[in-house]
């Protein structure tokens, strides 16, 4: 029966992977530059793209790593990257993001390669998007819109889809003004005209006002839906908290191997894909320590440099799994060219969601393919770390031991004689507490353990001192 269940899980994951591959863009479609006609997000039909970045600080290696990550993001969205341009400036050009000379180079590159989309490695203002599109004559997409597009492809649950749509609408709300002059035309008309009919004549609303009103209404509905979904999740979480089950959250940079680690530890059967943001919907699984204490492990959405603020806000309820945990497993890709940069980016997001003070255990993953010198450097920089490989299983036993050592221990020590009719209390002490000594006597079970306050109060009537 167990083998049959795993076969079904594997089949479901294979079907999900096939479905994701089916979302790849079809080559040959042209990208249209057109104004929005209704309140809907501009679908990013990315195919043949040119990347462009502005390097304002850091080293040239940092700039190359940033463009390399943008390339991975574009490929995850289903695009073919044809070329990449980078410019060193004190700050992005307020009009066109890159300078005038680089705009001309970009236009020539687009013509030579036949690209139909330009992706900028930064968040552009509405006027920058419009001005750059006017210059290069193809659609321009910024980093934020690209990440939102990937999230829209990968969201599976109702909550995940609602969170992504809310983030997209928040992004679009700020950019309505930059998406075409038609948005400012009047929706009404002169009295006696045939356009609007009864109730539709007069000055009316501008199209911009109509779209903004519809977006606001849709966002309000999404927030109500998310509130209801959050209530169901909080109910499940309160049940775990009632039993004082410690919570461990797996956090880290996208594609660092968080889902693989969860599968390796718990056999969760979570989808694993070598792509950015493969996991959006949180997965919670139960595990036990070597001495029998129960705890939960939750897989969360991956972080990235300059994670769009809209996504942090939309996914805040999901990210509370991290902010309210007892321990954070910070998974780092040991084989990445810039693991230190990933660590800094993740900790910035943790601080933004109020999780900076939670105990953190760094897991240097992918030790089977990582450079030993890099691993040694990371170990010297991070005193609380474990080196492991979710792929091969190396170091997993050390990781489990480290988790056990970092978990909060029950606060109250009890010495009780529990009658055999209350075996449920002994069972809960095993599951949620730390049993120090156990003896079966003629009168009942003599239990010496450390437990949480709620269980200690239930065990109080059976205290050895009280029965003497």
Foldseek 3Di string as FASTA:
>chain_A
DVVVVVVVLVVVLVVVVVLLVVQAADPPDAADQDFDPAQDFDQDRAEEEEEEEEAQDDDVVVVVQLVVVVVQLSVLLRYDYDYYYYHYDNAADLQARHDPVVLVVVLVVCVVRVGQEYEYAADHALRNQLRSCVSNVHGYHYPQVSVLSSQCSQDDDPLSNLLSVLLSLVVVLRNNVSRDPQQQQFQAEDPPDPRQPPPRHDRHHGNVVVSNVVSVVSSVVSVVVNVVVLVVVVVVVVVCVVLPAAEEEEAFAFQLCSVLLCCLQAVPSDRDDNGGFNDADKDKDWDAAPQQEIHIYIYHTYFDACNDPSSCVSCLSVCVSQQPGQEYAYRFALADPCRVVRVVRRLVSCVVSNRNPHHYAYEHEPPVRHDVVSVVVVCVVDVRYFYAYSVPGPRSVVVSVSVVVSTDAADDWAWFFDAPVVVVLVVSCSHHHGWPDWDQDPRGITTTTGHHPVSCVVRVCGGPVNVD
